[in-house]
């Protein structure tokens, strides 16, 4: 089966990426959302990991990540519980200690984007 011509450039670009399997996975979908939003335009090790780990620690999650693939986890911080715990932007900002925005040109706070 061949790819349509308009996808061939994308397929070739993906083949050229230096993709590596993840060494760990977050134990909660809520932590995945925090990771995804705080990853926008940020240095992962310096900014994203500390933010996600602060949220996990605040929520009492002692082991926020595990080696993959783990599929039978019970989410320790379901989205509903996350939104109950951090019911305002200020509540989430107090934990993340990070006021980055989604864009340098008028973007909203990443904490706000997470709650939305």
Protein backbone atom coordinates (compact mmCIF):
# COMPACT_ATOMS: atom_id res chain seq x y z
CA UNK A 1 0.00 0.00 0.00
CA UNK A 2 1.47 3.35 -0.95
CA UNK A 3 0.83 6.67 0.74
CA UNK A 4 -0.94 9.46 -1.11
CA UNK A 5 1.52 11.90 -2.68
CA UNK A 6 0.58 14.71 -0.26
CA UNK A 7 1.63 12.56 2.72
CA UNK A 8 4.92 11.31 1.32
CA UNK A 9 6.87 14.38 2.49
CA UNK A 10 5.47 14.03 6.00
CA UNK A 11 6.26 10.33 6.08
CA UNK A 12 9.84 10.98 4.98
CA UNK A 13 10.25 13.72 7.59
CA UNK A 14 9.02 11.38 10.35
CA UNK A 15 11.42 8.67 9.21
CA UNK A 16 14.24 11.18 9.62
CA UNK A 17 13.39 11.98 13.24
CA UNK A 18 15.53 10.61 16.01
CA UNK A 19 12.63 9.00 17.87
CA UNK A 20 13.37 7.15 21.07
CA UNK A 21 11.02 5.17 23.26
CA UNK A 22 10.03 6.91 26.48
CA UNK A 23 11.85 5.71 29.56
CA UNK A 24 8.86 6.45 31.82
CA UNK A 25 5.20 7.40 31.79
CA UNK A 26 3.10 9.53 34.12
CA UNK A 27 0.72 7.58 36.39
CA UNK A 28 -2.14 10.07 35.96
CA UNK A 29 -3.92 11.60 33.01
CA UNK A 30 -3.95 14.89 34.93
CA UNK A 31 -0.15 14.84 35.07
CA UNK A 32 -0.11 14.15 31.32
CA UNK A 33 -2.22 17.27 30.73
CA UNK A 34 0.08 19.37 32.92
CA UNK A 35 3.07 17.97 31.02
CA UNK A 36 1.51 18.66 27.62
CA UNK A 37 0.59 22.27 28.36
CA UNK A 38 3.77 23.22 30.21
CA UNK A 39 5.80 21.65 27.36
CA UNK A 40 4.69 24.41 24.99
CA UNK A 41 7.85 26.34 24.15
CA UNK A 42 9.65 25.31 27.34
CA UNK A 43 12.82 23.43 28.18
CA UNK A 44 11.53 20.05 29.29
CA UNK A 45 14.06 19.12 31.98
CA UNK A 46 14.39 22.61 33.45
CA UNK A 47 10.75 23.68 33.49
CA UNK A 48 8.26 20.93 32.67
CA UNK A 49 9.52 18.09 34.86
CA UNK A 50 9.79 20.26 38.00
CA UNK A 51 6.26 21.62 37.47
CA UNK A 52 4.72 18.17 37.01
CA UNK A 53 6.63 16.80 39.99
CA UNK A 54 5.43 19.70 42.18
CA UNK A 55 1.82 19.01 41.21
CA UNK A 56 2.27 15.29 41.90
CA UNK A 57 3.88 15.95 45.28
CA UNK A 58 1.15 18.41 46.25
CA UNK A 59 -1.47 15.78 45.37
CA UNK A 60 0.33 13.18 47.49
CA UNK A 61 1.54 11.08 44.55
CA UNK A 62 4.81 9.58 45.77
CA UNK A 63 5.69 7.85 42.50
CA UNK A 64 4.48 10.09 39.65
CA UNK A 65 6.07 8.06 36.86
CA UNK A 66 6.79 4.43 36.06
CA UNK A 67 8.63 2.61 33.27
CA UNK A 68 6.33 1.85 30.32
CA UNK A 69 4.29 0.13 29.24
CA UNK A 70 1.95 0.01 32.23
CA UNK A 71 -1.71 -0.13 31.35
CA UNK A 72 -3.43 -1.36 34.50
CA UNK A 73 -2.86 1.68 36.74
CA UNK A 74 -5.56 3.27 38.82
CA UNK A 75 -5.30 7.02 38.21
CA UNK A 76 -4.34 8.61 41.56
CA UNK A 77 -5.50 12.05 40.38
CA UNK A 78 -8.40 11.74 37.92
CA UNK A 79 -9.26 14.87 35.97
CA UNK A 80 -12.34 15.53 38.11
CA UNK A 81 -10.27 15.35 41.31
CA UNK A 82 -7.61 17.57 39.73
CA UNK A 83 -10.21 20.22 38.86
CA UNK A 84 -11.70 20.00 42.36
CA UNK A 85 -8.26 20.35 43.96
CA UNK A 86 -7.13 23.21 41.71
CA UNK A 87 -10.39 25.06 41.23
CA UNK A 88 -8.79 28.41 40.34
CA UNK A 89 -5.80 29.53 38.33
CA UNK A 90 -4.27 30.98 41.50
CA UNK A 91 -4.58 27.62 43.27
CA UNK A 92 -2.69 25.90 40.47
CA UNK A 93 -0.13 28.69 40.19
CA UNK A 94 0.61 28.37 43.90
CA UNK A 95 1.68 24.77 43.31
CA UNK A 96 3.36 25.03 39.92
CA UNK A 97 5.30 28.16 40.88
CA UNK A 98 5.45 28.88 37.16
CA UNK A 99 3.77 31.78 35.36
CA UNK A 100 4.70 30.84 31.80
CA UNK A 101 2.25 31.70 29.06
CA UNK A 102 1.11 29.60 26.12
CA UNK A 103 2.53 32.22 23.75
CA UNK A 104 4.88 35.18 24.18
CA UNK A 105 2.36 37.37 22.33
CA UNK A 106 -0.72 37.56 24.49
CA UNK A 107 -0.97 33.89 25.35
CA UNK A 108 -2.88 32.89 28.44
CA UNK A 109 -1.15 31.48 31.48
CA UNK A 110 -0.40 27.79 31.09
CA UNK A 111 -2.14 27.15 34.40
CA UNK A 112 -5.28 28.70 32.95
CA UNK A 113 -4.99 26.62 29.78
CA UNK A 114 -4.80 23.46 31.87
CA UNK A 115 -7.97 24.31 33.76
CA UNK A 116 -9.81 25.17 30.56
